[in-house]
Each structure stands twice: as structure tokens, then as C-alpha cells.
Amino acid sequence: MASSSYHRIVNFKSSGVLGISHKVFEEITATAIQEVEGCSISDTYALIFKRAPISCKFGKSGDLIINANIRVQYGYSVSEISKLVQERIERTMMFMTEIRPKKINLHVEDVKIEK
């Protein structure tokens, strides 16, 4: 059985402690990426290098750092799509977890060409 890694929210305003699985942060990021028109998650290099296309890690100071591999559809501006994706991830993460990512690093790995 694989062990899950959790981010503990210390100042949670309830009668207990809140722990959010790192997998939850990755799922939120994936969904936010897929909501942006002209963009999708890229698993091109993930298959080759055996790494996940999205990783969410917390630094020693507790800051959330997101790395995501994306594919942009042909005909869309890479810089505009990247900005929209970063904004969507940040807004969705804040809404769902009240945690603002310190960095959202996007790696454009592919261009999707419609045939």
C-alpha cells in the first residue's frame, strides 16, 4: 500500500487539524489546466522519464510549488495560455484550499495539431 503525503494546516479554525493529501493539490491543478481552452496536460515526457506530469510540493517554509507539463493547441498563443493556466490554478487552489501557490511552473512540452 502506497503511503500518502499530507500538508497539515496548523491554523485551521475548527476543533481539529486539517490535513490535505498532496494528491488533492495535484488533482485540483489537473482540473484547472483542463478548464482552459486550448490547453491540456502533457504526458509526453512523463512516459519517457517515468515522472508524473504534475507535481505539487511544499518547501521547508511551507510554500506550495507546482510544476506542470502542458500541451498547447496549435493556433493559441503559448504565453497567453500559460498566463491563463497560472491564473486558473492559483484562483482554484485559493478557492478550494485557501492556500496560494508561491510558484506555478509550467513546462510546455508539446503542441497539439488538429487534423
C-alpha atoms as a PDB file:
ATOM      1  CA  MET A   1       0.000   0.000   0.000  1.00  0.00           C
ATOM      2  CA  ALA A   2       1.431   3.375  -1.016  1.00  0.00           C
ATOM      3  CA  SER A   3       1.707   5.998   1.660  1.00  0.00           C
ATOM      4  CA  SER A   4       0.153   9.410   1.133  1.00  0.00           C
ATOM      5  CA  SER A   5       1.859  12.640   1.928  1.00  0.00           C
ATOM      6  CA  TYR A   6      -0.245  15.328   3.619  1.00  0.00           C
ATOM      7  CA  HIS A   7       0.050  19.061   4.117  1.00  0.00           C
ATOM      8  CA  ARG A   8      -1.037  19.959   7.612  1.00  0.00           C
ATOM      9  CA  ILE A   9      -2.857  23.239   8.108  1.00  0.00           C
ATOM     10  CA  VAL A  10      -1.971  24.399  11.584  1.00  0.00           C
ATOM     11  CA  ASN A  11      -4.175  27.479  11.883  1.00  0.00           C
ATOM     12  CA  PHE A  12      -7.298  25.635  10.765  1.00  0.00           C
ATOM     13  CA  LYS A  13     -10.312  27.196  12.502  1.00  0.00           C
ATOM     14  CA  SER A  14     -12.086  24.166  13.891  1.00  0.00           C
ATOM     15  CA  SER A  15     -11.808  21.789  16.768  1.00  0.00           C
ATOM     16  CA  GLY A  16      -9.191  19.668  14.988  1.00  0.00           C
ATOM     17  CA  VAL A  17      -6.377  19.636  12.479  1.00  0.00           C
ATOM     18  CA  LEU A  18      -6.833  19.648   8.724  1.00  0.00           C
ATOM     19  CA  GLY A  19      -4.535  17.572   6.542  1.00  0.00           C
ATOM     20  CA  ILE A  20      -4.817  17.715   2.761  1.00  0.00           C
ATOM     21  CA  SER A  21      -3.204  14.980   0.676  1.00  0.00           C
ATOM     22  CA  HIS A  22      -0.658  16.124  -1.904  1.00  0.00           C
ATOM     23  CA  LYS A  23      -2.728  14.123  -4.398  1.00  0.00           C
ATOM     24  CA  VAL A  24      -5.600  16.568  -3.818  1.00  0.00           C
ATOM     25  CA  PHE A  25      -3.385  19.507  -4.812  1.00  0.00           C
ATOM     26  CA  GLU A  26      -2.352  17.619  -7.958  1.00  0.00           C
ATOM     27  CA  GLU A  27      -5.982  16.850  -8.865  1.00  0.00           C
ATOM     28  CA  ILE A  28      -7.002  20.485  -8.368  1.00  0.00           C
ATOM     29  CA  THR A  29      -4.130  21.561 -10.622  1.00  0.00           C
ATOM     30  CA  ALA A  30      -5.055  18.998 -13.308  1.00  0.00           C
ATOM     31  CA  THR A  31      -8.688  20.058 -13.346  1.00  0.00           C
ATOM     32  CA  ALA A  32      -7.763  23.759 -13.539  1.00  0.00           C
ATOM     33  CA  ILE A  33      -5.462  23.076 -16.530  1.00  0.00           C
ATOM     34  CA  GLN A  34      -8.174  21.153 -18.377  1.00  0.00           C
ATOM     35  CA  GLU A  35     -10.659  24.003 -17.867  1.00  0.00           C
ATOM     36  CA  VAL A  36      -8.541  26.372 -20.001  1.00  0.00           C
ATOM     37  CA  GLU A  37      -9.482  26.247 -23.686  1.00  0.00           C
ATOM     38  CA  GLY A  38      -6.517  25.369 -25.912  1.00  0.00           C
ATOM     39  CA  CYS A  39      -4.569  23.577 -23.196  1.00  0.00           C
ATOM     40  CA  SER A  40      -4.260  20.065 -21.797  1.00  0.00           C
ATOM     41  CA  ILE A  41      -1.956  18.060 -19.565  1.00  0.00           C
ATOM     42  CA  SER A  42       1.037  16.632 -21.399  1.00  0.00           C
ATOM     43  CA  ASP A  43       2.346  13.217 -20.501  1.00  0.00           C
ATOM     44  CA  THR A  44       4.829  13.079 -23.388  1.00  0.00           C
ATOM     45  CA  TYR A  45       7.972  13.174 -21.266  1.00  0.00           C
ATOM     46  CA  ALA A  46       6.287  11.666 -18.231  1.00  0.00           C
ATOM     47  CA  LEU A  47       6.079   8.350 -20.054  1.00  0.00           C
ATOM     48  CA  ILE A  48       9.729   8.520 -21.141  1.00  0.00           C
ATOM     49  CA  PHE A  49      11.223   9.692 -17.843  1.00  0.00           C
ATOM     50  CA  LYS A  50       8.705   7.915 -15.575  1.00  0.00           C
ATOM     51  CA  ARG A  51       7.573  11.037 -13.739  1.00  0.00           C
ATOM     52  CA  ALA A  52       4.160  12.491 -13.150  1.00  0.00           C
ATOM     53  CA  PRO A  53       3.079  15.359 -15.408  1.00  0.00           C
ATOM     54  CA  ILE A  54       2.046  17.364 -12.329  1.00  0.00           C
ATOM     55  CA  SER A  55       3.851  17.671  -9.017  1.00  0.00           C
ATOM     56  CA  CYS A  56       2.872  19.746  -6.006  1.00  0.00           C
ATOM     57  CA  LYS A  57       5.430  20.106  -3.255  1.00  0.00           C
ATOM     58  CA  PHE A  58       5.739  22.190  -0.132  1.00  0.00           C
ATOM     59  CA  GLY A  59       9.069  23.859   0.571  1.00  0.00           C
ATOM     60  CA  LYS A  60      10.682  23.996   4.003  1.00  0.00           C
ATOM     61  CA  SER A  61       8.934  27.302   4.689  1.00  0.00           C
ATOM     62  CA  GLY A  62       5.552  25.749   3.829  1.00  0.00           C
ATOM     63  CA  ASP A  63       5.210  27.404   0.419  1.00  0.00           C
ATOM     64  CA  LEU A  64       3.386  25.453  -2.279  1.00  0.00           C
ATOM     65  CA  ILE A  65       5.343  24.970  -5.511  1.00  0.00           C
ATOM     66  CA  ILE A  66       3.543  23.494  -8.519  1.00  0.00           C
ATOM     67  CA  ASN A  67       5.215  22.031 -11.606  1.00  0.00           C
ATOM     68  CA  ALA A  68       3.011  21.039 -14.530  1.00  0.00           C
ATOM     69  CA  ASN A  69       3.706  19.778 -18.038  1.00  0.00           C
ATOM     70  CA  ILE A  70       1.192  21.131 -20.546  1.00  0.00           C
ATOM     71  CA  ARG A  71       0.306  20.814 -24.212  1.00  0.00           C
ATOM     72  CA  VAL A  72      -0.936  23.879 -26.103  1.00  0.00           C
ATOM     73  CA  GLN A  73      -3.260  23.516 -29.065  1.00  0.00           C
ATOM     74  CA  TYR A  74      -1.918  24.849 -32.373  1.00  0.00           C
ATOM     75  CA  GLY A  75      -3.176  28.354 -33.123  1.00  0.00           C
ATOM     76  CA  TYR A  76      -3.193  29.529 -29.496  1.00  0.00           C
ATOM     77  CA  SER A  77      -0.602  31.894 -28.023  1.00  0.00           C
ATOM     78  CA  VAL A  78       1.717  29.945 -25.705  1.00  0.00           C
ATOM     79  CA  SER A  79       2.320  32.975 -23.478  1.00  0.00           C
ATOM     80  CA  GLU A  80      -1.390  33.833 -23.204  1.00  0.00           C
ATOM     81  CA  ILE A  81      -2.390  30.225 -22.492  1.00  0.00           C
ATOM     82  CA  SER A  82       0.372  29.917 -19.880  1.00  0.00           C
ATOM     83  CA  LYS A  83      -0.792  33.078 -18.122  1.00  0.00           C
ATOM     84  CA  LEU A  84      -4.428  31.898 -18.160  1.00  0.00           C
ATOM     85  CA  VAL A  85      -3.422  28.487 -16.788  1.00  0.00           C
ATOM     86  CA  GLN A  86      -1.370  30.025 -13.974  1.00  0.00           C
ATOM     87  CA  GLU A  87      -4.234  32.354 -13.046  1.00  0.00           C
ATOM     88  CA  ARG A  88      -6.768  29.495 -13.135  1.00  0.00           C
ATOM     89  CA  ILE A  89      -4.600  27.237 -10.962  1.00  0.00           C
ATOM     90  CA  GLU A  90      -3.994  29.997  -8.418  1.00  0.00           C
ATOM     91  CA  ARG A  91      -7.664  31.027  -8.252  1.00  0.00           C
ATOM     92  CA  THR A  92      -8.914  27.431  -7.978  1.00  0.00           C
ATOM     93  CA  MET A  93      -6.300  26.498  -5.366  1.00  0.00           C
ATOM     94  CA  MET A  94      -7.194  29.544  -3.259  1.00  0.00           C
ATOM     95  CA  PHE A  95     -10.906  28.804  -3.508  1.00  0.00           C
ATOM     96  CA  MET A  96     -10.631  25.126  -2.669  1.00  0.00           C
ATOM     97  CA  THR A  97      -7.798  25.080  -0.096  1.00  0.00           C
ATOM     98  CA  GLU A  98      -7.168  28.720   0.910  1.00  0.00           C
ATOM     99  CA  ILE A  99      -3.512  28.137   0.003  1.00  0.00           C
ATOM    100  CA  ARG A 100      -1.826  30.448  -2.519  1.00  0.00           C
ATOM    101  CA  PRO A 101       0.911  28.761  -4.525  1.00  0.00           C
ATOM    102  CA  LYS A 102       4.252  30.561  -4.285  1.00  0.00           C
ATOM    103  CA  LYS A 103       5.292  29.329  -7.743  1.00  0.00           C
ATOM    104  CA  ILE A 104       3.402  27.764 -10.630  1.00  0.00           C
ATOM    105  CA  ASN A 105       5.990  26.476 -13.094  1.00  0.00           C
ATOM    106  CA  LEU A 106       4.600  25.407 -16.458  1.00  0.00           C
ATOM    107  CA  HIS A 107       6.580  23.361 -18.963  1.00  0.00           C
ATOM    108  CA  VAL A 108       5.148  23.424 -22.494  1.00  0.00           C
ATOM    109  CA  GLU A 109       6.141  20.026 -23.848  1.00  0.00           C
ATOM    110  CA  ASP A 110       4.030  19.706 -26.934  1.00  0.00           C
ATOM    111  CA  VAL A 111       1.772  21.420 -29.437  1.00  0.00           C
ATOM    112  CA  LYS A 112      -1.436  19.642 -30.345  1.00  0.00           C
ATOM    113  CA  ILE A 113      -2.199  19.903 -34.053  1.00  0.00           C
ATOM    114  CA  GLU A 114      -5.771  19.122 -35.083  1.00  0.00           C
ATOM    115  CA  LYS A 115      -6.051  17.077 -38.294  1.00  0.00           C
END
